[in-house]
Amino acid sequence: MRQRALLAVALGCGPKLLVADEPTTALDVTYPGGNPRPDRELRERLGMALLLISHDLGIVASACDRI
């Protein structure tokens, strides 16, 4: 829950670049809300770039324009 709150605070500041270093690492996979993922629609709506650092290529492929 702490990661979700910090992401909301970070996005509330209107950043031009969001650096997400392993954003889903410590999340509980059984949480019914699912894992928060920086998604393309959100990035386009906020007009920000995303630097995503992850070992999970599935998340990378779904969130990024270029790898």
N, C-alpha and C. Protein backbone atom coordinates (compact mmCIF):
# COMPACT_ATOMS: atom_id res chain seq x y z
N MET A 1 0.82 -1.17 0.00
CA MET A 1 0.00 0.00 0.00
C MET A 1 0.88 1.26 0.00
N ARG A 2 2.02 1.15 0.64
CA ARG A 2 2.92 2.29 0.71
C ARG A 2 3.42 2.68 -0.68
N GLN A 3 3.73 1.67 -1.52
CA GLN A 3 4.18 1.97 -2.87
C GLN A 3 3.09 2.66 -3.67
N ARG A 4 1.85 2.23 -3.51
CA ARG A 4 0.72 2.85 -4.21
C ARG A 4 0.57 4.31 -3.80
N ALA A 5 0.70 4.58 -2.50
CA ALA A 5 0.57 5.95 -2.00
C ALA A 5 1.69 6.83 -2.54
N LEU A 6 2.92 6.32 -2.55
CA LEU A 6 4.04 7.10 -3.05
C LEU A 6 3.91 7.38 -4.55
N LEU A 7 3.39 6.41 -5.30
CA LEU A 7 3.18 6.64 -6.73
C LEU A 7 2.13 7.73 -6.95
N ALA A 8 1.07 7.71 -6.16
CA ALA A 8 0.03 8.73 -6.27
C ALA A 8 0.59 10.11 -5.95
N VAL A 9 1.40 10.22 -4.92
CA VAL A 9 2.01 11.49 -4.55
C VAL A 9 2.94 11.97 -5.66
N ALA A 10 3.75 11.06 -6.19
CA ALA A 10 4.69 11.42 -7.26
C ALA A 10 3.95 11.92 -8.50
N LEU A 11 2.87 11.24 -8.87
CA LEU A 11 2.12 11.64 -10.06
C LEU A 11 1.36 12.94 -9.83
N GLY A 12 0.99 13.20 -8.58
CA GLY A 12 0.28 14.43 -8.25
C GLY A 12 1.13 15.68 -8.43
N CYS A 13 2.43 15.52 -8.44
CA CYS A 13 3.34 16.66 -8.62
C CYS A 13 3.51 17.05 -10.09
N GLY A 14 2.93 16.27 -11.00
CA GLY A 14 3.03 16.57 -12.44
C GLY A 14 4.42 16.44 -13.01
N PRO A 15 5.10 15.31 -12.79
CA PRO A 15 6.48 15.18 -13.29
C PRO A 15 6.53 15.06 -14.81
N LYS A 16 7.64 15.48 -15.37
CA LYS A 16 7.88 15.28 -16.81
C LYS A 16 8.51 13.93 -17.06
N LEU A 17 9.20 13.38 -16.04
CA LEU A 17 9.85 12.09 -16.13
C LEU A 17 9.60 11.33 -14.84
N LEU A 18 9.15 10.09 -14.97
CA LEU A 18 8.96 9.22 -13.82
C LEU A 18 9.97 8.09 -13.93
N VAL A 19 10.84 7.96 -12.94
CA VAL A 19 11.82 6.86 -12.90
C VAL A 19 11.24 5.80 -11.98
N ALA A 20 10.93 4.64 -12.54
CA ALA A 20 10.33 3.55 -11.78
C ALA A 20 11.33 2.40 -11.74
N ASP A 21 11.97 2.22 -10.60
CA ASP A 21 12.97 1.17 -10.42
C ASP A 21 12.31 -0.02 -9.75
N GLU A 22 12.07 -1.08 -10.51
CA GLU A 22 11.41 -2.29 -10.02
C GLU A 22 10.12 -1.95 -9.26
N PRO A 23 9.15 -1.31 -9.92
CA PRO A 23 7.95 -0.82 -9.21
C PRO A 23 7.05 -1.92 -8.66
N THR A 24 7.17 -3.13 -9.11
CA THR A 24 6.28 -4.20 -8.63
C THR A 24 6.98 -5.24 -7.77
N THR A 25 8.24 -4.99 -7.40
CA THR A 25 9.04 -5.99 -6.68
C THR A 25 8.42 -6.43 -5.36
N ALA A 26 8.06 -5.49 -4.50
CA ALA A 26 7.62 -5.85 -3.14
C ALA A 26 6.11 -5.97 -3.01
N LEU A 27 5.40 -6.00 -4.11
CA LEU A 27 3.94 -6.06 -4.03
C LEU A 27 3.45 -7.48 -3.79
N ASP A 28 2.36 -7.58 -3.08
CA ASP A 28 1.72 -8.86 -2.79
C ASP A 28 0.91 -9.27 -4.02
N VAL A 29 1.25 -10.38 -4.65
CA VAL A 29 0.58 -10.79 -5.88
C VAL A 29 -0.86 -11.24 -5.63
N THR A 30 -1.22 -11.48 -4.37
CA THR A 30 -2.58 -11.90 -4.07
C THR A 30 -3.50 -10.72 -3.79
N TYR A 31 -2.96 -9.51 -3.81
CA TYR A 31 -3.77 -8.32 -3.54
C TYR A 31 -4.85 -8.20 -4.61
N PRO A 32 -6.12 -8.08 -4.23
CA PRO A 32 -7.20 -8.09 -5.22
C PRO A 32 -7.20 -6.92 -6.19
N GLY A 33 -6.54 -5.84 -5.83
CA GLY A 33 -6.50 -4.68 -6.72
C GLY A 33 -5.54 -4.84 -7.87
N GLY A 34 -4.77 -5.90 -7.87
CA GLY A 34 -3.78 -6.11 -8.93
C GLY A 34 -2.56 -5.24 -8.72
N ASN A 35 -1.59 -5.41 -9.56
CA ASN A 35 -0.37 -4.62 -9.46
C ASN A 35 -0.53 -3.32 -10.21
N PRO A 36 -0.12 -2.21 -9.58
CA PRO A 36 -0.17 -0.94 -10.32
C PRO A 36 0.92 -0.96 -11.38
N ARG A 37 0.58 -0.61 -12.59
CA ARG A 37 1.56 -0.55 -13.66
C ARG A 37 1.48 0.82 -14.30
N PRO A 38 2.63 1.41 -14.56
CA PRO A 38 2.61 2.67 -15.30
C PRO A 38 2.06 2.35 -16.69
N ASP A 39 0.93 2.86 -17.02
CA ASP A 39 0.33 2.45 -18.28
C ASP A 39 0.37 3.57 -19.32
N ARG A 40 0.33 3.18 -20.58
CA ARG A 40 0.50 4.14 -21.67
C ARG A 40 -0.53 5.26 -21.65
N GLU A 41 -1.77 4.92 -21.39
CA GLU A 41 -2.82 5.94 -21.39
C GLU A 41 -2.55 7.00 -20.32
N LEU A 42 -2.15 6.55 -19.14
CA LEU A 42 -1.84 7.48 -18.05
C LEU A 42 -0.67 8.38 -18.42
N ARG A 43 0.38 7.79 -18.99
CA ARG A 43 1.55 8.60 -19.38
C ARG A 43 1.17 9.62 -20.43
N GLU A 44 0.36 9.23 -21.41
CA GLU A 44 -0.03 10.17 -22.46
C GLU A 44 -0.92 11.28 -21.90
N ARG A 45 -1.83 10.92 -21.02
CA ARG A 45 -2.73 11.93 -20.43
C ARG A 45 -1.95 12.93 -19.60
N LEU A 46 -0.94 12.47 -18.85
CA LEU A 46 -0.15 13.36 -18.00
C LEU A 46 1.01 14.00 -18.75
N GLY A 47 1.29 13.52 -19.96
CA GLY A 47 2.37 14.09 -20.76
C GLY A 47 3.75 13.89 -20.14
N MET A 48 3.99 12.69 -19.62
CA MET A 48 5.28 12.43 -18.98
C MET A 48 5.99 11.26 -19.65
N ALA A 49 7.28 11.24 -19.46
CA ALA A 49 8.10 10.13 -19.93
C ALA A 49 8.30 9.16 -18.78
N LEU A 50 8.60 7.91 -19.11
CA LEU A 50 8.81 6.89 -18.09
C LEU A 50 10.12 6.17 -18.36
N LEU A 51 10.95 6.11 -17.33
CA LEU A 51 12.15 5.29 -17.37
C LEU A 51 11.86 4.13 -16.43
N LEU A 52 11.62 2.96 -17.01
CA LEU A 52 11.22 1.78 -16.24
C LEU A 52 12.39 0.82 -16.14
N ILE A 53 12.78 0.51 -14.92
CA ILE A 53 13.88 -0.42 -14.65
C ILE A 53 13.26 -1.67 -14.06
N SER A 54 13.38 -2.81 -14.76
CA SER A 54 12.74 -4.03 -14.29
C SER A 54 13.37 -5.25 -14.94
N HIS A 55 13.25 -6.38 -14.24
CA HIS A 55 13.65 -7.67 -14.81
C HIS A 55 12.45 -8.37 -15.44
N ASP A 56 11.25 -7.86 -15.21
CA ASP A 56 10.02 -8.46 -15.72
C ASP A 56 9.72 -7.90 -17.10
N LEU A 57 10.11 -8.62 -18.14
CA LEU A 57 9.94 -8.11 -19.50
C LEU A 57 8.48 -7.98 -19.91
N GLY A 58 7.58 -8.71 -19.26
CA GLY A 58 6.16 -8.57 -19.53
C GLY A 58 5.66 -7.18 -19.17
N ILE A 59 6.05 -6.70 -18.01
CA ILE A 59 5.68 -5.35 -17.58
C ILE A 59 6.33 -4.32 -18.48
N VAL A 60 7.60 -4.53 -18.80
CA VAL A 60 8.32 -3.60 -19.66
C VAL A 60 7.64 -3.51 -21.02
N ALA A 61 7.31 -4.63 -21.61
CA ALA A 61 6.69 -4.64 -22.94
C ALA A 61 5.33 -3.98 -22.93
N SER A 62 4.56 -4.12 -21.85
CA SER A 62 3.23 -3.54 -21.82
C SER A 62 3.25 -2.04 -21.50
N ALA A 63 4.35 -1.55 -20.93
CA ALA A 63 4.37 -0.15 -20.48
C ALA A 63 5.19 0.76 -21.36
N CYS A 64 6.10 0.21 -22.15
CA CYS A 64 7.08 1.05 -22.84
C CYS A 64 6.91 1.06 -24.36
N ASP A 65 7.28 2.20 -24.95
CA ASP A 65 7.28 2.32 -26.40
C ASP A 65 8.54 1.72 -27.00
N ARG A 66 9.67 1.92 -26.32
CA ARG A 66 10.96 1.41 -26.79
C ARG A 66 11.65 0.69 -25.65
N ILE A 67 12.37 -0.37 -26.02
CA ILE A 67 13.13 -1.14 -25.01
C ILE A 67 14.59 -1.12 -25.40
